[in-house]
Protein backbone atom coordinates (compact mmCIF):
# COMPACT_ATOMS: atom_id res chain seq x y z
CA UNK A 1 118.82 86.51 99.51
CA UNK A 2 118.86 83.88 96.74
CA UNK A 3 116.69 81.56 98.82
CA UNK A 4 114.11 84.31 99.32
CA UNK A 5 114.00 85.01 95.57
CA UNK A 6 113.59 81.30 94.80
CA UNK A 7 110.82 80.98 97.42
CA UNK A 8 109.04 84.00 95.95
CA UNK A 9 109.23 82.58 92.42
CA UNK A 10 108.00 79.18 93.62
CA UNK A 11 105.09 80.86 95.44
CA UNK A 12 104.10 82.78 92.29
CA UNK A 13 104.42 79.74 90.03
CA UNK A 14 102.61 77.55 92.54
CA UNK A 15 99.76 80.03 92.83
CA UNK A 16 99.37 80.34 89.05
CA UNK A 17 99.59 76.59 88.57
CA UNK A 18 97.07 75.99 91.34
CA UNK A 19 94.62 78.45 89.76
CA UNK A 20 95.01 76.80 86.34
CA UNK A 21 94.41 73.33 87.78
CA UNK A 22 91.41 74.52 89.79
CA UNK A 23 89.68 76.11 86.80
CA UNK A 24 90.56 73.11 84.62
CA UNK A 25 88.85 70.78 87.09
CA UNK A 26 85.82 73.08 87.37
CA UNK A 27 85.56 73.16 83.60
CA UNK A 28 85.77 69.36 83.42
CA UNK A 29 83.05 69.08 86.05
CA UNK A 30 80.82 71.42 84.03
CA UNK A 31 81.36 69.32 80.90
CA UNK A 32 80.07 66.21 82.72
CA UNK A 33 76.71 67.89 83.28
CA UNK A 34 73.93 67.85 80.68
CA UNK A 35 74.44 70.57 78.05
CA UNK A 36 71.47 72.61 79.34
CA UNK A 37 72.83 72.67 82.89
CA UNK A 38 76.41 73.17 81.71
CA UNK A 39 75.59 76.53 80.13
CA UNK A 40 73.67 77.65 83.19
CA UNK A 41 76.13 76.54 85.86
CA UNK A 42 79.52 77.13 84.23
CA UNK A 43 79.66 80.89 85.00
CA UNK A 44 78.79 80.21 88.64
CA UNK A 45 81.39 77.45 88.86
CA UNK A 46 84.09 79.82 87.60
CA UNK A 47 82.94 82.43 90.12
CA UNK A 48 82.93 79.90 92.95
CA UNK A 49 86.62 80.39 93.97
CA UNK A 50 86.10 84.15 94.21
CA UNK A 51 82.93 83.69 96.27
CA UNK A 52 84.71 81.20 98.53
CA UNK A 53 87.59 83.64 99.08
CA UNK A 54 85.18 86.48 99.88
CA UNK A 55 83.29 84.27 102.32
CA UNK A 56 86.47 83.04 104.01
CA UNK A 57 88.45 86.28 104.18
CA UNK A 58 85.71 88.91 104.37
CA UNK A 59 82.27 87.69 105.44
CA UNK A 60 83.42 85.22 108.13
CA UNK A 61 85.87 87.68 109.79
CA UNK A 62 83.20 90.39 109.70
CA UNK A 63 80.67 88.18 111.50
CA UNK A 64 83.32 87.02 113.97
CA UNK A 65 84.34 90.63 114.70
CA UNK A 66 80.70 91.58 115.27
CA UNK A 67 80.30 88.73 117.75
CA UNK A 68 83.54 89.57 119.56
CA UNK A 69 82.45 93.20 119.95
CA UNK A 70 79.86 91.97 122.48
CA UNK A 71 82.41 89.87 124.41
CA UNK A 72 84.97 90.66 127.10
CA UNK A 73 88.67 91.40 126.55
CA UNK A 74 89.56 87.70 126.19
CA UNK A 75 86.46 86.91 124.06
CA UNK A 76 85.38 84.28 126.58
CA UNK A 77 82.16 85.81 127.91
CA UNK A 78 79.45 88.02 126.45
CA UNK A 79 79.07 91.44 128.07
CA UNK A 80 76.34 92.95 125.89
CA UNK A 81 76.83 96.58 124.83
CA UNK A 82 79.38 97.28 127.57
CA UNK A 83 82.28 97.72 125.13
CA UNK A 84 80.32 100.26 123.11
CA UNK A 85 79.10 102.19 126.15
CA UNK A 86 82.58 102.24 127.71
CA UNK A 87 84.16 103.46 124.51
CA UNK A 88 81.60 106.16 123.77
CA UNK A 89 81.77 107.50 127.33
CA UNK A 90 85.58 107.42 127.43
CA UNK A 91 87.15 110.86 127.14
CA UNK A 92 90.19 109.34 125.39
CA UNK A 93 88.04 107.67 122.74
CA UNK A 94 85.95 110.82 122.32
CA UNK A 95 89.18 112.68 121.66
CA UNK A 96 90.12 110.00 119.12
CA UNK A 97 86.76 110.37 117.38
CA UNK A 98 87.12 114.15 117.26
CA UNK A 99 90.62 113.83 115.84
CA UNK A 100 89.39 111.36 113.22
CA UNK A 101 86.59 113.80 112.34
CA UNK A 102 89.21 116.49 111.71
CA UNK A 103 90.99 114.13 109.32
CA UNK A 104 87.68 113.45 107.55
CA UNK A 105 86.97 117.17 107.14
CA UNK A 106 90.43 118.46 106.26
CA UNK A 107 92.15 115.80 104.13
CA UNK A 108 89.51 115.03 101.43
CA UNK A 109 88.64 118.71 101.00
CA UNK A 110 92.31 119.71 101.00
CA UNK A 111 93.12 116.99 98.47
CA UNK A 112 90.39 118.25 96.13
CA UNK A 113 91.62 121.85 96.38
CA UNK A 114 95.28 120.90 95.87
CA UNK A 115 94.44 118.53 93.02
CA UNK A 116 92.39 121.18 91.23
CA UNK A 117 95.09 123.81 91.65
CA UNK A 118 97.88 121.55 90.45
CA UNK A 119 95.85 120.15 87.54
CA UNK A 120 94.79 123.62 86.38
CA UNK A 121 98.31 125.04 86.60
CA UNK A 122 100.02 121.98 85.07
CA UNK A 123 97.65 122.02 82.10
CA UNK A 124 98.93 125.50 81.23
CA UNK A 125 102.51 124.27 80.80
CA UNK A 126 104.06 123.01 77.61
CA UNK A 127 103.50 119.27 77.03
CA UNK A 128 107.03 118.31 78.11
CA UNK A 129 106.86 120.54 81.19
CA UNK A 130 103.40 119.25 82.05
CA UNK A 131 104.53 115.61 81.95
CA UNK A 132 107.61 116.35 84.08
CA UNK A 133 105.65 118.34 86.68
CA UNK A 134 102.88 115.74 86.94
CA UNK A 135 105.42 112.92 87.27
CA UNK A 136 107.15 114.68 90.18
CA UNK A 137 103.86 115.43 91.93
CA UNK A 138 102.58 111.88 91.42
CA UNK A 139 105.75 110.23 92.78
CA UNK A 140 104.84 110.52 96.52
CA UNK A 141 101.85 108.24 95.92
CA UNK A 142 104.29 105.41 95.17
CA UNK A 143 106.10 105.87 98.49
CA UNK A 144 104.94 103.72 101.40
CA UNK A 145 103.84 105.27 104.67
CA UNK A 146 107.01 104.16 106.47
CA UNK A 147 109.18 105.73 103.77
CA UNK A 148 107.10 108.89 103.87
CA UNK A 149 107.46 108.96 107.65
CA UNK A 150 111.25 108.76 107.32
CA UNK A 151 111.20 111.67 104.88
CA UNK A 152 108.92 113.86 106.98
CA UNK A 153 110.79 113.11 110.21
CA UNK A 154 113.65 115.10 108.69
CA UNK A 155 111.24 117.98 108.11
CA UNK A 156 109.75 117.92 111.62
CA UNK A 157 112.94 116.88 113.47
CA UNK A 158 113.88 118.92 116.55
CA UNK A 159 117.23 119.08 118.34
CA UNK A 160 118.06 120.99 121.54
CA UNK A 161 118.70 124.73 120.98
CA UNK A 162 122.44 124.21 121.52
CA UNK A 163 122.69 121.73 118.63
CA UNK A 164 122.51 122.13 114.89
CA UNK A 165 118.97 121.70 113.54
CA UNK A 166 118.57 119.05 110.82
CA UNK A 167 114.79 119.54 110.56
CA UNK A 168 113.63 121.85 107.77
CA UNK A 169 110.96 123.61 109.83
CA UNK A 170 113.20 124.16 112.82
CA UNK A 171 116.00 125.28 110.52
CA UNK A 172 113.67 128.04 109.28
CA UNK A 173 112.47 128.90 112.81
CA UNK A 174 115.96 129.15 114.27
CA UNK A 175 117.14 131.01 111.18
CA UNK A 176 114.74 133.80 112.12
CA UNK A 177 115.96 133.77 115.73
CA UNK A 178 113.31 131.50 117.25
CA UNK A 179 113.68 128.39 119.40
CA UNK A 180 113.28 124.88 117.94
CA UNK A 181 109.84 123.31 118.34
CA UNK A 182 109.01 119.63 118.87
CA UNK A 183 106.32 119.78 116.19
CA UNK A 184 104.90 116.28 116.66
CA UNK A 185 104.99 116.31 120.47
CA UNK A 186 102.90 119.41 121.16
CA UNK A 187 100.71 118.80 124.20
CA UNK A 188 98.10 121.49 123.47
CA UNK A 189 96.07 122.18 120.37
CA UNK A 190 95.87 120.09 117.22
CA UNK A 191 98.78 121.50 115.24
CA UNK A 192 100.68 118.20 115.32
CA UNK A 193 97.62 116.40 113.91
CA UNK A 194 97.40 118.92 111.08
CA UNK A 195 101.12 118.39 110.39
CA UNK A 196 100.43 114.66 110.03
CA UNK A 197 97.55 115.45 107.67
CA UNK A 198 100.01 117.36 105.49
CA UNK A 199 101.79 114.06 104.86
CA UNK A 200 98.63 112.43 103.51
CA UNK A 201 97.83 115.53 101.45
CA UNK A 202 101.33 115.34 100.00
CA UNK A 203 100.78 111.70 99.04
CA UNK A 204 97.21 112.02 97.72
CA UNK A 205 97.57 115.27 95.75
CA UNK A 206 99.08 113.38 92.80
CA UNK A 207 96.17 110.94 92.69
CA UNK A 208 93.65 113.80 92.67
CA UNK A 209 95.68 115.71 90.08
CA UNK A 210 95.69 112.83 87.58
CA UNK A 211 91.94 112.24 87.71
CA UNK A 212 90.95 115.90 87.81
CA UNK A 213 93.38 116.84 85.04
CA UNK A 214 91.82 114.19 82.77
CA UNK A 215 88.35 115.46 83.66
CA UNK A 216 89.27 119.10 82.96
CA UNK A 217 90.75 118.14 79.58
CA UNK A 218 87.44 116.44 78.81
CA UNK A 219 85.44 119.67 79.12
CA UNK A 220 84.35 120.68 75.58
CA UNK A 221 86.53 123.50 74.23
CA UNK A 222 83.55 124.94 72.35
CA UNK A 223 81.82 125.69 75.64
CA UNK A 224 84.91 127.41 77.04
CA UNK A 225 85.45 129.48 73.88
CA UNK A 226 81.81 130.52 73.81
CA UNK A 227 82.06 131.71 77.43
CA UNK A 228 85.22 133.71 76.64
CA UNK A 229 83.53 135.33 73.65
CA UNK A 230 80.68 136.34 75.94
CA UNK A 231 83.20 138.15 78.14
CA UNK A 232 83.33 135.70 81.04
CA UNK A 233 86.47 135.89 83.21
CA UNK A 234 88.73 132.88 83.68
CA UNK A 235 87.54 132.57 87.28
CA UNK A 236 83.89 132.54 86.23
CA UNK A 237 84.63 129.97 83.52
CA UNK A 238 86.40 127.74 85.99
CA UNK A 239 83.77 127.84 88.75
CA UNK A 240 80.61 128.06 86.62
CA UNK A 241 81.51 125.85 83.66
CA UNK A 242 84.47 123.58 84.44
CA UNK A 243 83.58 122.64 88.02
CA UNK A 244 79.94 121.65 87.26
CA UNK A 245 81.07 119.49 84.32
CA UNK A 246 83.65 117.58 86.38
CA UNK A 247 81.39 117.18 89.42
CA UNK A 248 81.25 113.38 89.07
CA UNK A 249 85.05 113.13 89.12
CA UNK A 250 85.21 115.49 92.10
CA UNK A 251 82.81 113.28 94.03
CA UNK A 252 84.75 110.14 93.07
CA UNK A 253 88.05 111.62 94.26
CA UNK A 254 86.46 112.94 97.44
CA UNK A 255 84.86 109.60 98.36
CA UNK A 256 88.00 107.60 97.50
CA UNK A 257 90.20 109.83 99.67
CA UNK A 258 87.56 109.81 102.42
CA UNK A 259 87.60 106.01 102.59
CA UNK A 260 91.39 106.11 102.76
CA UNK A 261 91.24 108.67 105.58
CA UNK A 262 88.84 106.51 107.60
CA UNK A 263 91.42 103.71 107.40
CA UNK A 264 94.42 105.94 108.14
CA UNK A 265 96.87 104.02 110.28
CA UNK A 266 100.44 103.94 108.98
CA UNK A 267 101.22 107.65 109.11
CA UNK A 268 99.99 108.19 112.66
CA UNK A 269 101.44 104.91 113.95
CA UNK A 270 104.88 105.52 112.46
CA UNK A 271 105.15 109.18 113.45
CA UNK A 272 103.52 109.36 116.92
CA UNK A 273 101.74 106.03 117.64
CA UNK A 274 98.70 108.12 118.51
CA UNK A 275 100.43 109.96 121.35
CA UNK A 276 100.41 113.72 121.94
CA UNK A 277 96.73 114.14 121.04
CA UNK A 278 97.11 112.64 117.54
CA UNK A 279 95.26 109.33 117.92
CA UNK A 280 92.84 108.11 115.22
CA UNK A 281 90.39 105.22 115.17
CA UNK A 282 92.58 102.73 113.27
CA UNK A 283 95.57 103.29 115.57
CA UNK A 284 93.35 103.01 118.63
CA UNK A 285 92.05 99.67 117.34
CA UNK A 286 95.60 98.37 116.85
CA UNK A 287 96.72 99.46 120.30
CA UNK A 288 93.62 98.01 121.98
CA UNK A 289 94.14 94.65 120.30
CA UNK A 290 97.92 94.20 120.35
CA UNK A 291 99.11 96.48 123.16
CA UNK A 292 96.24 96.27 125.65
CA UNK A 293 95.12 92.76 124.56
CA UNK A 294 91.50 93.90 124.69
CA UNK A 295 89.80 92.09 121.81
CA UNK A 296 86.33 93.27 122.85
CA UNK A 297 87.21 96.97 122.67
CA UNK A 298 89.13 96.45 119.42
CA UNK A 299 86.20 94.62 117.79
CA UNK A 300 83.76 97.32 118.91
CA UNK A 301 86.00 100.00 117.36
CA UNK A 302 86.12 98.08 114.07
CA UNK A 303 82.33 97.66 114.01
CA UNK A 304 81.81 101.39 114.56
CA UNK A 305 84.31 102.16 111.80
CA UNK A 306 82.56 99.68 109.52
CA UNK A 307 79.18 101.32 110.19
CA UNK A 308 80.64 104.64 109.07
CA UNK A 309 82.42 103.26 105.98
CA UNK A 310 79.58 101.13 104.53
CA UNK A 311 77.23 104.05 103.62
CA UNK A 312 80.16 105.88 102.03
CA UNK A 313 81.07 102.83 99.94
CA UNK A 314 77.43 102.30 98.91
CA UNK A 315 77.26 105.92 97.77
CA UNK A 316 80.50 105.51 95.81
CA UNK A 317 79.18 102.39 94.04
CA UNK A 318 76.02 104.29 93.10
CA UNK A 319 78.14 107.14 91.75
CA UNK A 320 80.11 104.71 89.59
CA UNK A 321 76.89 103.18 88.26
CA UNK A 322 75.40 106.59 87.52
CA UNK A 323 78.59 107.56 85.70
CA UNK A 324 78.46 104.39 83.61
CA UNK A 325 74.80 105.03 82.71
CA UNK A 326 75.62 108.62 81.74
CA UNK A 327 78.28 107.36 79.34
């Protein structure tokens, strides 16, 4: 244990020292140049390490993945669009796409609804109660997916009818005289997928609550009081005044959660590994690459996921810029 701590400290100190030396050398190089060129090039020299890291760890792997998506399983021979055609005509991958679409529809919308409800209700509490409630609701966001999986396995756990039920859901079911259900291993329907979505909703509700609560508090009180004086109900005030004024924050939360949903891996992998009709794109990529050793299929899946994510990210960047201009 002590050796690991020492290695970690040495890695941190080495990284900081290396960064200091690198920028010192870049600064010295800029000082050698003529004063006119020094002022022009110094910002770019300081940005050079970041650009190099982006090129090495982002741009190069992206290009390599794109190339591999047109190659065979061992990436030794080009096969054209065969990987894409095989994937899109595969019933298993179509089922994965449909399941991923359900995640895209349910989780961001559900997170917005839950976040709004919690933020609105918490804001009505006393300051001490509001802080305590928000802290409890925000805590799941700090828990990793593996830890969350361990927690929710106790909720969804199922034992044979002759044994004592340790799972919360089955404890309730058997308490009312029913038989225990293997919630995550249902072979028909999508209930087990929705139960996995509940885990992400549980984790993301705190994130949505914090942002939406701050946005709601930012709505001018004069506008709300004027609406109440005009006889508007609380529901009308909320949907016709508050919601339109926090629209930018709603979009930001929605897009952020949507990007997270498109990359969902940990929850599904830990709980079911994509079995029992619960597979999603990220888990399918992992299994194709590491279980089936099919680099071509895996690369094609990543490229299709990237094509979906890029427009969403571009829209989010535009929203941030529009918000900055509005301020």
